[in-house]
Protein backbone atom coordinates (compact mmCIF):
# COMPACT_ATOMS: atom_id res chain seq x y z
CA MET A 1 -0.73 21.82 -3.84
CA PHE A 2 2.16 20.97 -6.11
CA VAL A 3 3.94 19.55 -3.07
CA LEU A 4 0.95 17.28 -2.38
CA ARG A 5 1.19 15.91 -5.94
CA ILE A 6 4.88 15.17 -5.47
CA ILE A 7 4.16 13.49 -2.11
CA LEU A 8 1.45 11.37 -3.77
CA ILE A 9 3.91 10.26 -6.46
CA LEU A 10 6.62 9.47 -3.87
CA ILE A 11 4.21 7.53 -1.67
CA GLY A 12 3.18 5.59 -4.75
CA LEU A 13 6.77 4.74 -5.56
CA VAL A 14 7.47 3.63 -1.98
CA PHE A 15 4.38 1.39 -1.92
CA ILE A 16 5.30 -0.05 -5.32
CA GLY A 17 8.78 -0.85 -4.01
CA PHE A 18 7.61 -2.50 -0.80
CA GLY A 19 4.75 -4.29 -2.56
CA TYR A 20 7.11 -5.65 -5.20
CA ALA A 21 9.59 -6.84 -2.58
CA ILE A 22 6.89 -8.58 -0.54
CA TRP A 23 4.64 -9.94 -3.30
CA PHE A 24 7.16 -10.96 -5.97
CA LYS A 25 10.42 -11.43 -4.03
CA GLY A 26 8.91 -12.96 -0.88
CA LYS A 27 10.65 -10.63 1.56
CA TYR A 28 8.13 -11.19 4.33
CA ASN A 29 10.48 -9.75 6.92
CA LEU A 30 9.34 -6.30 5.72
CA ILE A 31 6.01 -6.94 7.46
CA ASN A 32 6.15 -6.10 11.17
CA ASN A 33 6.06 -9.18 13.44
CA PHE A 34 5.12 -11.48 10.56
CA GLN A 35 7.74 -14.12 11.34
CA LYS A 36 6.67 -14.23 15.00
CA ASP A 37 2.96 -14.36 14.12
CA LYS A 38 3.62 -17.06 11.54
CA LYS A 39 5.54 -19.12 14.08
CA ASN A 40 2.67 -18.72 16.57
CA GLY A 41 0.16 -19.81 13.91
CA LYS A 42 -1.71 -16.49 13.75
CA LEU A 43 -0.80 -15.67 10.13
CA ASN A 44 0.34 -17.55 7.03
CA ASP A 45 2.07 -16.82 3.73
CA SER A 46 -1.18 -15.95 1.95
CA PHE A 47 -1.56 -13.00 4.34
CA ALA A 48 1.88 -11.74 3.35
CA LYS A 49 1.14 -12.18 -0.36
CA ARG A 50 -2.07 -10.16 0.03
CA VAL A 51 -0.19 -7.41 1.89
CA GLY A 52 2.30 -7.24 -0.96
CA LYS A 53 -0.49 -7.17 -3.53
CA ILE A 54 -2.36 -4.41 -1.68
CA GLU A 55 0.76 -2.29 -1.40
CA PHE A 56 1.83 -2.88 -5.01
CA ILE A 57 -1.56 -2.09 -6.54
CA GLY A 58 -2.16 0.77 -4.11
CA GLY A 59 1.22 2.22 -5.04
CA ILE A 60 0.40 2.05 -8.74
CA VAL A 61 -2.89 3.85 -8.09
CA CYS A 62 -1.20 6.56 -5.98
CA PHE A 63 1.55 7.08 -8.53
CA THR A 64 -0.90 7.24 -11.42
CA LEU A 65 -3.21 9.67 -9.64
CA GLY A 66 -0.21 11.82 -8.72
CA ILE A 67 0.73 12.07 -12.41
CA ILE A 68 -2.86 12.58 -13.58
CA THR A 69 -3.52 15.40 -11.10
CA MET A 70 -0.58 17.51 -12.30
CA PRO A 71 -2.64 19.65 -14.70
CA LEU A 72 -5.91 19.33 -12.76
CA ASN A 73 -7.65 21.21 -9.99
CA ASP A 74 -6.15 21.37 -6.47
CA VAL A 75 -9.37 20.00 -4.96
CA PHE A 76 -9.08 16.87 -7.11
CA THR A 77 -5.49 16.44 -5.90
CA LEU A 78 -6.58 16.61 -2.27
CA VAL A 79 -9.45 14.17 -2.85
CA SER A 80 -7.10 11.79 -4.70
CA PHE A 81 -4.53 11.96 -1.91
CA ILE A 82 -7.11 11.21 0.79
CA PHE A 83 -8.68 8.44 -1.31
CA CYS A 84 -5.34 6.69 -1.90
CA ILE A 85 -4.17 6.79 1.68
CA VAL A 86 -7.52 5.80 3.21
CA SER A 87 -8.13 2.99 0.72
CA ILE A 88 -4.70 1.42 1.32
CA ILE A 89 -5.11 1.64 5.09
CA VAL A 90 -8.63 0.16 5.00
CA ALA A 91 -7.51 -2.66 2.69
CA LEU A 92 -4.60 -3.53 5.00
CA ILE A 93 -6.84 -3.47 8.08
CA LEU A 94 -9.44 -5.68 6.41
CA ASN A 95 -6.70 -8.09 5.34
CA GLN A 96 -5.44 -8.26 8.94
CA VAL A 97 -8.93 -8.87 10.31
CA LYS A 98 -9.64 -11.53 7.68
CA SER A 99 -6.37 -13.37 8.26
CA THR A 100 -6.06 -13.30 12.05
CA LYS A 101 -6.91 -16.68 13.58
């Protein structure tokens, strides 16, 4: 389960990096088909900002839980891993559904 903790920390760092680039730096080209969907009027910049925010905050949560679970039980690590991944995916799906015109 040590490997799962390391994976959780690395996933957190990746999400923090992408979230920072999208939310703070405005690199919307990191979002698949965003430029095309924006041109077609399906999505707008607020969608991209929310994607960046979801990824940034989700990455912080994953990274923090990866650090916290180091001395804890393996079951808690597995639950934390599943919680982080599922919550980020659900948040991104809900954002897509909310923003699609």
